[in-house]
C-alpha atoms as a PDB file:
ATOM      1  CA  MET A   1       0.000   0.000   0.000  1.00  0.00           C
ATOM      2  CA  THR A   2       2.548   2.568  -1.152  1.00  0.00           C
ATOM      3  CA  GLY A   3       0.232   4.849  -3.099  1.00  0.00           C
ATOM      4  CA  VAL A   4       2.771   4.985  -5.945  1.00  0.00           C
ATOM      5  CA  ALA A   5       1.780   3.644  -9.337  1.00  0.00           C
ATOM      6  CA  GLU A   6       4.813   3.831 -11.622  1.00  0.00           C
ATOM      7  CA  ALA A   7       8.253   5.339 -12.089  1.00  0.00           C
ATOM      8  CA  GLY A   8       8.612   8.819 -13.530  1.00  0.00           C
ATOM      9  CA  ALA A   9      11.576  10.865 -14.714  1.00  0.00           C
ATOM     10  CA  ASN A  10      14.495  11.919 -12.490  1.00  0.00           C
ATOM     11  CA  GLY A  11      13.711   9.478  -9.723  1.00  0.00           C
ATOM     12  CA  THR A  12      10.165  10.735  -9.165  1.00  0.00           C
ATOM     13  CA  ARG A  13       7.200   8.415  -8.927  1.00  0.00           C
ATOM     14  CA  VAL A  14       3.710   8.873 -10.309  1.00  0.00           C
ATOM     15  CA  ALA A  15       1.259   9.180  -7.437  1.00  0.00           C
ATOM     16  CA  GLY A  16      -1.919   9.629  -9.457  1.00  0.00           C
ATOM     17  CA  THR A  17      -3.964  11.984 -11.602  1.00  0.00           C
ATOM     18  CA  VAL A  18      -6.210  14.904 -10.692  1.00  0.00           C
ATOM     19  CA  GLU A  19      -9.698  13.532 -11.223  1.00  0.00           C
ATOM     20  CA  ARG A  20     -11.737  16.355  -9.678  1.00  0.00           C
ATOM     21  CA  LEU A  21     -11.250  19.884  -8.339  1.00  0.00           C
ATOM     22  CA  ARG A  22     -13.619  21.229  -5.687  1.00  0.00           C
ATOM     23  CA  ARG A  23     -13.956  24.718  -4.227  1.00  0.00           C
ATOM     24  CA  TYR A  24     -16.052  25.840  -1.241  1.00  0.00           C
ATOM     25  CA  PRO A  25     -16.555  29.619  -1.396  1.00  0.00           C
ATOM     26  CA  VAL A  26     -18.349  29.603   1.988  1.00  0.00           C
ATOM     27  CA  LYS A  27     -17.072  27.395   4.777  1.00  0.00           C
ATOM     28  CA  GLY A  28     -19.607  24.756   5.749  1.00  0.00           C
ATOM     29  CA  LEU A  29     -21.769  25.019   2.621  1.00  0.00           C
ATOM     30  CA  LEU A  30     -21.742  22.736  -0.396  1.00  0.00           C
ATOM     31  CA  GLY A  31     -19.250  23.756  -3.057  1.00  0.00           C
ATOM     32  CA  GLU A  32     -18.624  23.851  -6.768  1.00  0.00           C
ATOM     33  CA  GLU A  33     -16.815  21.751  -9.365  1.00  0.00           C
ATOM     34  CA  LEU A  34     -13.906  23.264 -11.313  1.00  0.00           C
ATOM     35  CA  ASP A  35     -11.857  22.262 -14.357  1.00  0.00           C
ATOM     36  CA  ARG A  36      -8.984  24.628 -13.576  1.00  0.00           C
ATOM     37  CA  ALA A  37      -7.851  26.704 -10.622  1.00  0.00           C
ATOM     38  CA  GLU A  38      -5.098  29.073  -9.589  1.00  0.00           C
ATOM     39  CA  VAL A  39      -3.331  27.875  -6.436  1.00  0.00           C
ATOM     40  CA  THR A  40      -1.553  30.400  -4.236  1.00  0.00           C
ATOM     41  CA  GLY A  41       0.008  30.105  -0.811  1.00  0.00           C
ATOM     42  CA  ARG A  42      -3.479  30.162   0.684  1.00  0.00           C
ATOM     43  CA  GLY A  43      -4.869  27.351  -1.479  1.00  0.00           C
ATOM     44  CA  LEU A  44      -7.331  27.345  -4.372  1.00  0.00           C
ATOM     45  CA  ALA A  45      -8.288  30.865  -5.365  1.00  0.00           C
ATOM     46  CA  GLY A  46     -11.667  31.649  -3.818  1.00  0.00           C
ATOM     47  CA  ASP A  47     -11.759  28.642  -1.513  1.00  0.00           C
ATOM     48  CA  ARG A  48     -13.274  29.155   1.960  1.00  0.00           C
ATOM     49  CA  GLU A  49     -12.900  32.920   1.748  1.00  0.00           C
ATOM     50  CA  ARG A  50     -16.194  33.423   3.549  1.00  0.00           C
ATOM     51  CA  ALA A  51     -18.072  31.883   6.442  1.00  0.00           C
ATOM     52  CA  LEU A  52     -21.261  32.278   8.425  1.00  0.00           C
ATOM     53  CA  LEU A  53     -20.854  33.788  11.878  1.00  0.00           C
ATOM     54  CA  ASP A  54     -23.259  32.873  14.669  1.00  0.00           C
ATOM     55  CA  LEU A  55     -24.074  36.336  15.995  1.00  0.00           C
ATOM     56  CA  ALA A  56     -25.186  34.979  19.379  1.00  0.00           C
ATOM     57  CA  THR A  57     -21.907  33.203  20.172  1.00  0.00           C
ATOM     58  CA  GLY A  58     -19.304  34.807  17.918  1.00  0.00           C
ATOM     59  CA  ARG A  59     -18.343  31.360  16.628  1.00  0.00           C
ATOM     60  CA  VAL A  60     -18.029  30.273  13.027  1.00  0.00           C
ATOM     61  CA  ALA A  61     -20.926  28.063  11.932  1.00  0.00           C
ATOM     62  CA  SER A  62     -19.770  24.531  11.149  1.00  0.00           C
ATOM     63  CA  ALA A  63     -21.571  21.226  10.639  1.00  0.00           C
ATOM     64  CA  LYS A  64     -18.903  19.738  12.912  1.00  0.00           C
ATOM     65  CA  ARG A  65     -21.554  20.559  15.515  1.00  0.00           C
ATOM     66  CA  PRO A  66     -24.374  18.760  13.701  1.00  0.00           C
ATOM     67  CA  ARG A  67     -27.132  19.397  16.244  1.00  0.00           C
ATOM     68  CA  LEU A  68     -26.985  23.103  15.388  1.00  0.00           C
ATOM     69  CA  TRP A  69     -25.539  23.273  11.901  1.00  0.00           C
ATOM     70  CA  ALA A  70     -26.352  20.135   9.878  1.00  0.00           C
ATOM     71  CA  GLY A  71     -28.693  22.327   7.811  1.00  0.00           C
ATOM     72  CA  LEU A  72     -25.707  24.155   6.297  1.00  0.00           C
ATOM     73  CA  LEU A  73     -25.193  21.187   3.989  1.00  0.00           C
ATOM     74  CA  GLY A  74     -28.491  21.889   2.248  1.00  0.00           C
ATOM     75  CA  TYR A  75     -27.093  25.127   0.818  1.00  0.00           C
ATOM     76  CA  THR A  76     -24.631  25.613  -2.039  1.00  0.00           C
ATOM     77  CA  ALA A  77     -22.151  28.434  -2.598  1.00  0.00           C
ATOM     78  CA  ARG A  78     -20.698  29.218  -5.999  1.00  0.00           C
ATOM     79  CA  THR A  79     -18.520  31.977  -7.420  1.00  0.00           C
ATOM     80  CA  THR A  80     -20.114  34.123 -10.108  1.00  0.00           C
ATOM     81  CA  THR A  81     -18.302  35.324 -13.217  1.00  0.00           C
ATOM     82  CA  ASP A  82     -17.767  38.751 -11.626  1.00  0.00           C
ATOM     83  CA  GLY A  83     -16.199  37.238  -8.499  1.00  0.00           C
ATOM     84  CA  ARG A  84     -19.170  37.495  -6.168  1.00  0.00           C
ATOM     85  CA  VAL A  85     -20.411  34.560  -4.083  1.00  0.00           C
ATOM     86  CA  ALA A  86     -23.978  33.375  -4.629  1.00  0.00           C
ATOM     87  CA  VAL A  87     -25.743  31.081  -2.143  1.00  0.00           C
ATOM     88  CA  SER A  88     -28.674  28.919  -3.169  1.00  0.00           C
ATOM     89  CA  GLY A  89     -31.015  26.775  -1.116  1.00  0.00           C
ATOM     90  CA  PRO A  90     -32.255  23.200  -1.575  1.00  0.00           C
ATOM     91  CA  ASP A  91     -34.821  24.454  -4.107  1.00  0.00           C
ATOM     92  CA  GLY A  92     -32.113  26.132  -6.189  1.00  0.00           C
ATOM     93  CA  ARG A  93     -33.286  29.659  -5.418  1.00  0.00           C
ATOM     94  CA  GLY A  94     -30.962  32.313  -4.039  1.00  0.00           C
ATOM     95  CA  ALA A  95     -30.700  32.659  -0.277  1.00  0.00           C
ATOM     96  CA  ASP A  96     -29.543  35.717   1.677  1.00  0.00           C
ATOM     97  CA  GLU A  97     -28.532  36.101   5.335  1.00  0.00           C
ATOM     98  CA  ARG A  98     -32.130  36.584   6.466  1.00  0.00           C
ATOM     99  CA  GLU A  99     -33.326  33.412   4.758  1.00  0.00           C
ATOM    100  CA  LEU A 100     -30.354  31.449   6.080  1.00  0.00           C
ATOM    101  CA  SER A 101     -31.001  32.686   9.615  1.00  0.00           C
ATOM    102  CA  GLU A 102     -34.644  31.666   9.425  1.00  0.00           C
ATOM    103  CA  ALA A 103     -33.856  28.234   7.990  1.00  0.00           C
ATOM    104  CA  LEU A 104     -31.050  27.503  10.472  1.00  0.00           C
ATOM    105  CA  GLY A 105     -32.849  28.892  13.506  1.00  0.00           C
ATOM    106  CA  ARG A 106     -29.839  31.085  14.388  1.00  0.00           C
ATOM    107  CA  GLU A 107     -29.049  34.630  13.369  1.00  0.00           C
ATOM    108  CA  VAL A 108     -26.029  34.460  11.076  1.00  0.00           C
ATOM    109  CA  ALA A 109     -23.979  36.912   9.067  1.00  0.00           C
ATOM    110  CA  LEU A 110     -21.823  36.201   6.031  1.00  0.00           C
ATOM    111  CA  ILE A 111     -18.296  37.388   6.785  1.00  0.00           C
ATOM    112  CA  ASP A 112     -15.076  37.562   4.772  1.00  0.00           C
ATOM    113  CA  GLU A 113     -12.619  38.278   7.595  1.00  0.00           C
ATOM    114  CA  ARG A 114     -11.835  35.932  10.440  1.00  0.00           C
ATOM    115  CA  PRO A 115     -12.694  37.600  13.754  1.00  0.00           C
ATOM    116  CA  PRO A 116      -9.938  37.593  16.396  1.00  0.00           C
ATOM    117  CA  GLY A 117     -10.023  34.313  18.306  1.00  0.00           C
ATOM    118  CA  ALA A 118     -12.575  32.782  15.944  1.00  0.00           C
ATOM    119  CA  THR A 119     -13.431  29.233  16.981  1.00  0.00           C
ATOM    120  CA  VAL A 120     -15.440  26.273  15.786  1.00  0.00           C
ATOM    121  CA  GLU A 121     -17.022  23.535  17.873  1.00  0.00           C
ATOM    122  CA  ARG A 122     -16.658  19.858  17.098  1.00  0.00           C
ATOM    123  CA  ALA A 123     -18.218  16.647  18.400  1.00  0.00           C
ATOM    124  CA  VAL A 124     -15.725  13.811  18.852  1.00  0.00           C
ATOM    125  CA  PRO A 125     -16.084  10.838  16.466  1.00  0.00           C
ATOM    126  CA  GLU A 126     -17.153   8.311  19.111  1.00  0.00           C
ATOM    127  CA  GLU A 127     -19.990  10.588  20.235  1.00  0.00           C
ATOM    128  CA  VAL A 128     -21.133  10.957  16.631  1.00  0.00           C
ATOM    129  CA  LEU A 129     -21.085   7.199  16.050  1.00  0.00           C
ATOM    130  CA  ALA A 130     -23.087   6.628  19.223  1.00  0.00           C
ATOM    131  CA  ARG A 131     -25.625   9.447  18.898  1.00  0.00           C
ATOM    132  CA  GLY A 132     -25.504  10.615  15.294  1.00  0.00           C
ATOM    133  CA  SER A 133     -26.515  14.203  14.605  1.00  0.00           C
ATOM    134  CA  ALA A 134     -27.703  14.542  18.234  1.00  0.00           C
ATOM    135  CA  ALA A 135     -24.060  14.425  19.388  1.00  0.00           C
ATOM    136  CA  GLU A 136     -23.119  17.282  21.674  1.00  0.00           C
ATOM    137  CA  THR A 137     -19.904  19.248  21.308  1.00  0.00           C
ATOM    138  CA  ASP A 138     -17.109  17.820  23.409  1.00  0.00           C
ATOM    139  CA  PHE A 139     -14.386  20.276  22.473  1.00  0.00           C
ATOM    140  CA  THR A 140     -13.710  23.498  20.651  1.00  0.00           C
ATOM    141  CA  VAL A 141     -11.118  24.006  17.940  1.00  0.00           C
ATOM    142  CA  ASN A 142      -9.573  27.145  19.369  1.00  0.00           C
ATOM    143  CA  GLU A 143      -8.119  28.619  16.201  1.00  0.00           C
ATOM    144  CA  LEU A 144      -8.974  28.094  12.578  1.00  0.00           C
ATOM    145  CA  GLY A 145      -6.235  27.430  10.071  1.00  0.00           C
ATOM    146  CA  ARG A 146      -3.299  26.497  12.316  1.00  0.00           C
ATOM    147  CA  ALA A 147      -1.188  25.426   9.326  1.00  0.00           C
ATOM    148  CA  ALA A 148      -2.729  27.852   6.849  1.00  0.00           C
ATOM    149  CA  PRO A 149      -1.564  31.348   5.939  1.00  0.00           C
ATOM    150  CA  ASP A 150      -3.518  34.347   7.183  1.00  0.00           C
ATOM    151  CA  GLY A 151      -6.939  34.773   5.657  1.00  0.00           C
ATOM    152  CA  GLY A 152      -9.657  32.306   4.829  1.00  0.00           C
ATOM    153  CA  PHE A 153     -11.605  29.917   7.010  1.00  0.00           C
ATOM    154  CA  PHE A 154      -9.603  26.708   7.025  1.00  0.00           C
ATOM    155  CA  ASP A 155      -9.819  24.087   9.749  1.00  0.00           C
ATOM    156  CA  PHE A 156      -6.101  23.370   9.569  1.00  0.00           C
ATOM    157  CA  ALA A 157      -4.370  23.726   6.200  1.00  0.00           C
ATOM    158  CA  PRO A 158      -5.108  25.398   2.851  1.00  0.00           C
ATOM    159  CA  LEU A 159      -5.600  22.206   0.827  1.00  0.00           C
ATOM    160  CA  HIS A 160      -7.290  18.884   1.438  1.00  0.00           C
ATOM    161  CA  LEU A 161      -6.606  15.880  -0.824  1.00  0.00           C
ATOM    162  CA  ILE A 162      -8.292  12.485  -0.981  1.00  0.00           C
ATOM    163  CA  THR A 163      -7.643   9.528  -3.294  1.00  0.00           C
ATOM    164  CA  THR A 164     -10.045   7.308  -5.150  1.00  0.00           C
ATOM    165  CA  SER A 165      -8.399   4.401  -3.303  1.00  0.00           C
ATOM    166  CA  THR A 166      -9.624   5.842  -0.008  1.00  0.00           C
ATOM    167  CA  LEU A 167     -13.078   6.518  -1.441  1.00  0.00           C
ATOM    168  CA  ARG A 168     -13.303   2.899  -2.556  1.00  0.00           C
ATOM    169  CA  ALA A 169     -12.192   1.767   0.896  1.00  0.00           C
ATOM    170  CA  THR A 170     -14.881   3.844   2.623  1.00  0.00           C
ATOM    171  CA  GLY A 171     -17.569   3.214   0.015  1.00  0.00           C
ATOM    172  CA  SER A 172     -18.500   6.897   0.193  1.00  0.00           C
ATOM    173  CA  GLU A 173     -18.763   9.786  -2.208  1.00  0.00           C
ATOM    174  CA  ALA A 174     -16.048  12.432  -2.333  1.00  0.00           C
ATOM    175  CA  GLU A 175     -18.580  15.178  -1.535  1.00  0.00           C
ATOM    176  CA  ARG A 176     -18.915  13.824   2.011  1.00  0.00           C
ATOM    177  CA  TYR A 177     -15.239  14.517   2.789  1.00  0.00           C
ATOM    178  CA  ARG A 178     -15.154  17.989   1.173  1.00  0.00           C
ATOM    179  CA  PRO A 179     -11.741  17.691  -0.562  1.00  0.00           C
ATOM    180  CA  ASN A 180     -10.184  20.229  -2.881  1.00  0.00           C
ATOM    181  CA  LEU A 181      -8.519  17.510  -4.959  1.00  0.00           C
ATOM    182  CA  VAL A 182      -9.770  14.023  -5.718  1.00  0.00           C
ATOM    183  CA  ILE A 183      -6.771  12.066  -6.956  1.00  0.00           C
ATOM    184  CA  ARG A 184      -7.250   8.974  -9.091  1.00  0.00           C
ATOM    185  CA  THR A 185      -5.011   6.209  -7.756  1.00  0.00           C
ATOM    186  CA  GLU A 186      -4.596   2.500  -8.441  1.00  0.00           C
ATOM    187  CA  GLY A 187      -3.602   1.229  -4.984  1.00  0.00           C
ATOM    188  CA  GLU A 188      -5.861  -0.315  -2.373  1.00  0.00           C
ATOM    189  CA  GLY A 189      -6.753   1.203   0.963  1.00  0.00           C
ATOM    190  CA  TYR A 190      -5.741   4.547   2.415  1.00  0.00           C
ATOM    191  CA  VAL A 191      -2.727   5.074   0.179  1.00  0.00           C
ATOM    192  CA  GLU A 192      -2.245   8.775   0.933  1.00  0.00           C
ATOM    193  CA  ASN A 193      -1.252   7.930   4.520  1.00  0.00           C
ATOM    194  CA  ALA A 194       2.178   7.153   3.047  1.00  0.00           C
ATOM    195  CA  TRP A 195       2.426  10.593   1.420  1.00  0.00           C
ATOM    196  CA  VAL A 196       2.843  12.553   4.667  1.00  0.00           C
ATOM    197  CA  GLY A 197       6.131  14.477   4.555  1.00  0.00           C
ATOM    198  CA  ARG A 198       6.448  14.025   0.791  1.00  0.00           C
ATOM    199  CA  GLU A 199       6.327  16.675  -1.924  1.00  0.00           C
ATOM    200  CA  LEU A 200       3.874  16.424  -4.824  1.00  0.00           C
ATOM    201  CA  ALA A 201       4.467  18.043  -8.225  1.00  0.00           C
ATOM    202  CA  ILE A 202       1.342  18.917 -10.224  1.00  0.00           C
ATOM    203  CA  GLY A 203       1.542  20.495 -13.661  1.00  0.00           C
ATOM    204  CA  PRO A 204       4.543  22.613 -14.717  1.00  0.00           C
ATOM    205  CA  THR A 205       5.020  24.596 -11.488  1.00  0.00           C
ATOM    206  CA  LEU A 206       2.675  23.676  -8.623  1.00  0.00           C
ATOM    207  CA  ARG A 207       4.337  21.938  -5.689  1.00  0.00           C
ATOM    208  CA  LEU A 208       2.577  20.782  -2.520  1.00  0.00           C
ATOM    209  CA  ARG A 209       3.873  19.244   0.686  1.00  0.00           C
ATOM    210  CA  VAL A 210       1.636  16.750   2.442  1.00  0.00           C
ATOM    211  CA  ILE A 211       1.700  17.574   6.143  1.00  0.00           C
ATOM    212  CA  ALA A 212      -0.836  15.390   7.987  1.00  0.00           C
ATOM    213  CA  PRO A 213      -3.634  12.842   7.659  1.00  0.00           C
ATOM    214  CA  THR A 214      -7.095  14.406   7.859  1.00  0.00           C
ATOM    215  CA  PRO A 215      -9.095  13.446  10.972  1.00  0.00           C
ATOM    216  CA  ARG A 216     -12.771  12.862  10.255  1.00  0.00           C
ATOM    217  CA  CYS A 217     -15.709  14.146  12.276  1.00  0.00           C
ATOM    218  CA  ALA A 218     -19.495  14.195  11.999  1.00  0.00           C
ATOM    219  CA  VAL A 219     -19.640  15.960   8.647  1.00  0.00           C
ATOM    220  CA  PRO A 220     -19.207  12.953   6.286  1.00  0.00           C
ATOM    221  CA  THR A 221     -22.102  11.151   7.985  1.00  0.00           C
ATOM    222  CA  LEU A 222     -24.622  13.934   7.369  1.00  0.00           C
ATOM    223  CA  ARG A 223     -27.010  14.565   4.510  1.00  0.00           C
ATOM    224  CA  HIS A 224     -25.207  16.483   1.750  1.00  0.00           C
ATOM    225  CA  GLY A 225     -27.742  18.003  -0.601  1.00  0.00           C
ATOM    226  CA  PRO A 226     -29.362  15.013  -2.326  1.00  0.00           C
ATOM    227  CA  LEU A 227     -27.012  12.518  -0.643  1.00  0.00           C
ATOM    228  CA  PRO A 228     -28.665  10.834   2.377  1.00  0.00           C
ATOM    229  CA  ARG A 229     -27.093  10.363   5.793  1.00  0.00           C
ATOM    230  CA  ARG A 230     -24.347   7.720   5.830  1.00  0.00           C
ATOM    231  CA  PRO A 231     -22.855   6.833   9.249  1.00  0.00           C
ATOM    232  CA  GLU A 232     -20.487   4.390   7.511  1.00  0.00           C
ATOM    233  CA  ALA A 233     -18.555   7.344   6.077  1.00  0.00           C
ATOM    234  CA  LEU A 234     -17.128   7.785   9.577  1.00  0.00           C
ATOM    235  CA  ARG A 235     -17.600   4.291  10.980  1.00  0.00           C
ATOM    236  CA  ILE A 236     -15.426   2.578   8.343  1.00  0.00           C
ATOM    237  CA  PRO A 237     -12.368   4.859   8.846  1.00  0.00           C
ATOM    238  CA  ALA A 238     -12.921   4.550  12.608  1.00  0.00           C
ATOM    239  CA  GLU A 239     -12.629   0.772  12.293  1.00  0.00           C
ATOM    240  CA  ARG A 240      -9.948   0.524   9.603  1.00  0.00           C
ATOM    241  CA  ASN A 241      -7.830   3.670   9.469  1.00  0.00           C
ATOM    242  CA  ARG A 242      -7.079   5.127  12.870  1.00  0.00           C
ATOM    243  CA  VAL A 243      -3.791   6.983  12.668  1.00  0.00           C
ATOM    244  CA  VAL A 244      -2.056   9.704  14.694  1.00  0.00           C
ATOM    245  CA  PRO A 245      -2.418  12.950  12.676  1.00  0.00           C
ATOM    246  CA  LEU A 246       0.165  14.977  14.622  1.00  0.00           C
ATOM    247  CA  ASP A 247       2.539  14.324  17.474  1.00  0.00           C
ATOM    248  CA  GLY A 248       0.751  14.486  20.797  1.00  0.00           C
ATOM    249  CA  MET A 249      -2.659  13.589  19.373  1.00  0.00           C
ATOM    250  CA  PRO A 250      -4.411  10.240  19.829  1.00  0.00           C
ATOM    251  CA  ALA A 251      -5.097   7.893  16.936  1.00  0.00           C
ATOM    252  CA  LEU A 252      -8.152   9.210  15.102  1.00  0.00           C
ATOM    253  CA  PRO A 253     -10.261   8.003  12.161  1.00  0.00           C
ATOM    254  CA  CYS A 254      -8.698   9.591   9.082  1.00  0.00           C
ATOM    255  CA  ALA A 255      -9.448   9.801   5.375  1.00  0.00           C
ATOM    256  CA  GLY A 256      -7.411  12.005   3.065  1.00  0.00           C
ATOM    257  CA  VAL A 257      -4.495  14.315   3.851  1.00  0.00           C
ATOM    258  CA  TYR A 258      -3.795  17.998   4.387  1.00  0.00           C
ATOM    259  CA  ALA A 259      -1.217  19.843   2.297  1.00  0.00           C
ATOM    260  CA  ARG A 260       0.445  23.230   2.138  1.00  0.00           C
ATOM    261  CA  VAL A 261       1.628  25.057  -0.964  1.00  0.00           C
ATOM    262  CA  VAL A 262       5.378  25.091  -1.554  1.00  0.00           C
ATOM    263  CA  VAL A 263       5.333  26.683  -5.026  1.00  0.00           C
ATOM    264  CA  PRO A 264       2.141  28.277  -6.435  1.00  0.00           C
ATOM    265  CA  GLY A 265       0.796  27.334  -9.842  1.00  0.00           C
ATOM    266  CA  VAL A 266      -2.190  26.319 -11.916  1.00  0.00           C
ATOM    267  CA  ILE A 267      -3.962  22.991 -11.524  1.00  0.00           C
ATOM    268  CA  ARG A 268      -6.256  21.300 -14.011  1.00  0.00           C
ATOM    269  CA  THR A 269      -8.263  18.124 -14.036  1.00  0.00           C
ATOM    270  CA  GLY A 270      -6.243  15.441 -15.762  1.00  0.00           C
ATOM    271  CA  ASP A 271      -2.906  16.734 -14.458  1.00  0.00           C
ATOM    272  CA  ARG A 272      -0.457  13.989 -13.524  1.00  0.00           C
ATOM    273  CA  ILE A 273       0.886  14.059  -9.980  1.00  0.00           C
ATOM    274  CA  THR A 274       4.434  12.937  -9.257  1.00  0.00           C
ATOM    275  CA  MET A 275       6.114  12.491  -5.898  1.00  0.00           C
ATOM    276  CA  ASP A 276       9.658  13.228  -4.817  1.00  0.00           C
END
């Protein structure tokens, strides 16, 4: 389970091919499919540049606390041709802050700057598996984007990658894990676990460094637009792929990996990915 398919030039190895590109203009909402994207030090251009702020608590709305925010995943954000962000509801019609507040039962505001000390709440995986969307929050993620540059609303790092090998292993759709890149791979199992610490070359200039496995939470189990609830999207990694994401953390159910940008560039679907 190396996650490497074939030899490339200059001692590199082919890791896979970019099968899909996904962008999420508003954190927590459904996103949009791309064929091409600019990638800067802060990730895909336009990704997670906005979020919904719970005006009662000052916390960023996130379906990681499903009892309050599972309804976020019924709404879709897309970037218009003039660079604005448009939000639409389950019926496809546009939705503004007032409509979102009414539907979610909390007064929210769409923001594009991270407030000082912004936090998100998260239910631990075992609580989610036991109680589903009724799981209470057991801890708070104190700061967004610990490994991301300033700006944006990232949980940890500016890019999230997942392989088709991992999707086959979990039996779940990519949309449930909210990746930026879906990478077509030939290996079996959670092949990207072996990529941590390695550098990936994509296209003529883009270079990424894989920095950690991605711990999973309640979000993959929830309804995503037309996709029904699927507890197995968390249960299967919990049973088969518990790894330690970072030193000092316990083994957690993981699927996919986080990456940071070493050299910016352009990425397109179909691009071959090689590994140092």
